[in-house]
Amino acid sequence: MLQPLWSLIRRIRQACVSEHYYWVSSTAPAEDLWRTVNNLADIAAWHPLITGTNAPRGQSAKPGLIYRVFSRYLPVSTQIFVERVRPGELLSVRVFPFPGLQERASYRIVSTLCGTCVLYSITLSGWLSPIVWPMVKPQVTQVASSLVQAAEEAAAQPKGFRHRAYPIDPKIDPKTDIF
């Protein structure tokens, strides 16, 4: 009697888990890719599903670290747990958006003879995953390419270049000297 029940439960669990893998090649060095993915404060600059984070500027990923991100689709913050870190190579996190859904995302950076590759994998689990996947799939497919694009743009900038903290006032003519 219990064997058919366990079999049914196992099939339901397997139906509620979806794994997806993406890879993108890059011309940026592996160090720049790692710096981009490891900078938790600026994850919103390249991740298409995230608008902001509470991680302090300069915070790097460490196993056991829990921080919050703000999603484009949910009006509440979501906890992220840093699961594994191999510096320069792998970052694995778990995301807990709400009960009934859990996401595991991993970013692996691999140097090859032809350049660098980013291997991005995402696993959605929970009874809400079959409902949520079709809604987030268009953005999830862009995560790895957005990461590569951000790292290549950072690699193309001069080393001393920093973004301005405040917007330039359009009333002030930049050609005139204010001192």
Protein backbone atom coordinates (compact mmCIF):
# COMPACT_ATOMS: atom_id res chain seq x y z
CA MET A 1 0.00 0.00 0.00
CA LEU A 2 2.79 2.44 0.86
CA GLN A 3 4.91 1.59 -2.19
CA PRO A 4 2.46 3.10 -4.75
CA LEU A 5 2.06 6.16 -2.53
CA TRP A 6 5.85 6.72 -2.35
CA SER A 7 6.07 6.22 -6.09
CA LEU A 8 3.41 8.88 -6.64
CA ILE A 9 5.17 11.30 -4.28
CA ARG A 10 8.48 10.73 -6.07
CA ARG A 11 6.88 11.47 -9.46
CA ILE A 12 5.28 14.65 -8.14
CA ARG A 13 8.61 15.83 -6.72
CA GLN A 14 10.36 15.16 -10.03
CA ALA A 15 7.67 17.09 -11.88
CA CYS A 16 8.24 20.06 -9.56
CA VAL A 17 11.98 20.29 -10.20
CA SER A 18 13.31 21.87 -13.37
CA GLU A 19 17.00 22.22 -14.21
CA HIS A 20 18.31 24.46 -16.96
CA TYR A 21 21.86 25.08 -18.16
CA TYR A 22 23.27 27.96 -20.21
CA TRP A 23 26.76 28.87 -21.35
CA VAL A 24 28.23 31.91 -23.02
CA SER A 25 31.76 32.49 -24.26
CA SER A 26 33.52 35.75 -23.50
CA THR A 27 36.53 37.76 -24.55
CA ALA A 28 36.90 39.18 -21.04
CA PRO A 29 39.53 37.63 -18.79
CA ALA A 30 38.34 35.17 -16.16
CA GLU A 31 39.40 37.60 -13.41
CA ASP A 32 37.03 40.29 -14.74
CA LEU A 33 34.16 37.80 -15.00
CA TRP A 34 34.80 36.64 -11.45
CA ARG A 35 35.01 40.22 -10.17
CA THR A 36 31.65 40.98 -11.80
CA VAL A 37 29.81 37.93 -10.46
CA ASN A 38 31.44 38.19 -7.01
CA ASN A 39 30.53 41.85 -6.44
CA LEU A 40 27.23 41.34 -4.62
CA ALA A 41 26.47 45.06 -4.31
CA ASP A 42 26.38 45.54 -8.10
CA ILE A 43 24.50 42.39 -9.09
CA ALA A 44 21.54 44.55 -10.17
CA ALA A 45 23.73 46.14 -12.84
CA TRP A 46 23.77 42.94 -14.89
CA HIS A 47 21.11 40.53 -13.57
CA PRO A 48 17.81 40.97 -15.48
CA LEU A 49 15.61 39.79 -12.57
CA ILE A 50 17.16 41.94 -9.82
CA THR A 51 16.73 45.68 -9.24
CA GLY A 52 18.76 46.12 -6.06
CA THR A 53 20.48 44.48 -3.10
CA ASN A 54 21.23 45.28 0.52
CA ALA A 55 24.82 44.00 0.30
CA PRO A 56 27.33 46.73 1.19
CA ARG A 57 29.60 48.03 -1.54
CA GLY A 58 32.65 45.84 -1.87
CA GLN A 59 30.99 42.81 -0.25
CA SER A 60 32.23 39.62 -1.83
CA ALA A 61 30.54 36.25 -1.64
CA LYS A 62 31.45 34.01 1.27
CA PRO A 63 29.81 30.67 2.12
CA GLY A 64 27.03 31.14 4.66
CA LEU A 65 26.40 34.78 3.80
CA ILE A 66 22.72 35.75 3.64
CA TYR A 67 21.67 38.97 1.95
CA ARG A 68 18.54 40.37 0.35
CA VAL A 69 17.75 41.31 -3.23
CA PHE A 70 14.82 43.16 -4.69
CA SER A 71 13.12 41.55 -7.65
CA ARG A 72 11.60 43.15 -10.72
CA TYR A 73 8.43 41.09 -10.29
CA LEU A 74 7.90 40.82 -6.54
CA PRO A 75 7.33 43.95 -4.45
CA VAL A 76 9.12 42.31 -1.50
CA SER A 77 12.75 41.47 -0.90
CA THR A 78 14.05 37.94 -1.33
CA GLN A 79 16.72 36.21 0.73
CA ILE A 80 19.77 34.79 -0.97
CA PHE A 81 22.02 32.28 0.76
CA VAL A 82 25.58 31.88 -0.57
CA GLU A 83 26.06 28.14 -0.66
CA ARG A 84 29.49 27.50 -2.19
CA VAL A 85 32.37 29.66 -3.34
CA ARG A 86 35.53 28.61 -5.11
CA PRO A 87 37.36 31.90 -5.74
CA GLY A 88 37.82 32.64 -9.40
CA GLU A 89 35.83 29.59 -10.43
CA LEU A 90 32.40 28.94 -8.86
CA LEU A 91 29.62 30.76 -7.03
CA SER A 92 26.51 28.84 -5.97
CA VAL A 93 23.54 30.50 -4.26
CA ARG A 94 20.08 29.52 -3.08
CA VAL A 95 17.18 31.90 -3.47
CA PHE A 96 14.04 31.69 -1.36
CA PRO A 97 11.49 34.03 -2.99
CA PHE A 98 8.43 32.70 -1.15
CA PRO A 99 7.13 29.44 0.33
CA GLY A 100 6.62 26.78 -2.32
CA LEU A 101 9.54 27.91 -4.50
CA GLN A 102 13.29 27.58 -4.18
CA GLU A 103 15.98 28.37 -6.71
CA ARG A 104 19.57 27.23 -6.85
CA ALA A 105 21.79 29.17 -9.22
CA SER A 106 25.44 28.54 -9.93
CA TYR A 107 27.92 30.52 -11.96
CA ARG A 108 31.02 28.67 -13.12
CA ILE A 109 33.84 30.46 -14.90
CA VAL A 110 36.07 28.32 -17.08
CA SER A 111 39.18 29.47 -18.93
CA THR A 112 39.77 27.76 -22.25
CA LEU A 113 42.29 28.12 -25.04
CA CYS A 114 39.75 30.11 -27.05
CA GLY A 115 38.72 32.48 -24.26
CA THR A 116 36.56 32.26 -21.18
CA CYS A 117 33.17 30.62 -20.71
CA VAL A 118 30.44 31.27 -18.18
CA LEU A 119 28.36 28.23 -17.32
CA TYR A 120 25.12 29.22 -15.64
CA SER A 121 22.76 26.65 -14.18
CA ILE A 122 19.44 27.19 -12.48
CA THR A 123 17.30 24.67 -10.66
CA LEU A 124 13.78 25.58 -9.63
CA SER A 125 12.10 23.34 -7.09
CA GLY A 126 8.89 23.41 -5.14
CA TRP A 127 5.27 23.00 -6.00
CA LEU A 128 5.12 26.49 -7.57
CA SER A 129 8.04 25.94 -9.95
CA PRO A 130 5.91 24.73 -12.92
CA ILE A 131 3.87 27.93 -12.62
CA VAL A 132 6.80 30.33 -12.13
CA TRP A 133 9.15 28.93 -14.80
CA PRO A 134 7.21 30.15 -17.87
CA MET A 135 7.10 33.67 -16.39
CA VAL A 136 10.82 33.98 -15.61
CA LYS A 137 12.25 31.93 -18.50
CA PRO A 138 12.77 34.89 -20.91
CA GLN A 139 14.89 36.73 -18.31
CA VAL A 140 16.72 33.65 -17.03
CA THR A 141 17.94 32.83 -20.52
CA GLN A 142 19.64 36.26 -20.58
CA VAL A 143 21.48 36.01 -17.23
CA ALA A 144 24.74 34.52 -18.53
CA SER A 145 24.93 36.82 -21.55
CA SER A 146 24.20 39.86 -19.36
CA LEU A 147 27.00 38.83 -17.01
CA VAL A 148 29.43 38.45 -19.91
CA GLN A 149 28.40 41.79 -21.40
CA ALA A 150 28.91 43.59 -18.05
CA ALA A 151 32.33 41.99 -17.56
CA GLU A 152 33.44 42.85 -21.11
CA GLU A 153 32.34 46.47 -20.63
CA ALA A 154 34.25 46.62 -17.34
CA ALA A 155 37.34 45.14 -19.00
CA ALA A 156 37.15 47.74 -21.79
CA GLN A 157 37.14 50.68 -19.35
CA PRO A 158 40.43 52.22 -18.25
CA LYS A 159 41.62 50.86 -14.89
CA GLY A 160 41.27 54.19 -13.04
CA PHE A 161 37.80 54.95 -14.45
CA ARG A 162 34.98 55.24 -11.92
CA HIS A 163 31.36 56.17 -12.49
CA ARG A 164 30.27 59.51 -11.11
CA ALA A 165 28.29 59.27 -7.90
CA TYR A 166 26.02 62.18 -8.88
CA PRO A 167 24.51 63.11 -12.23
CA ILE A 168 25.99 66.06 -14.05
CA ASP A 169 23.86 69.19 -13.81
CA PRO A 170 22.76 70.05 -17.37
CA LYS A 171 22.71 73.79 -16.54
CA ILE A 172 26.46 73.87 -15.99
CA ASP A 173 28.54 74.05 -19.13
CA PRO A 174 31.27 71.39 -18.77
CA LYS A 175 33.67 73.50 -20.85
CA THR A 176 33.76 76.34 -18.35
CA ASP A 177 36.02 76.12 -15.36
CA ILE A 178 34.17 76.61 -12.07
CA PHE A 179 37.33 77.38 -10.04
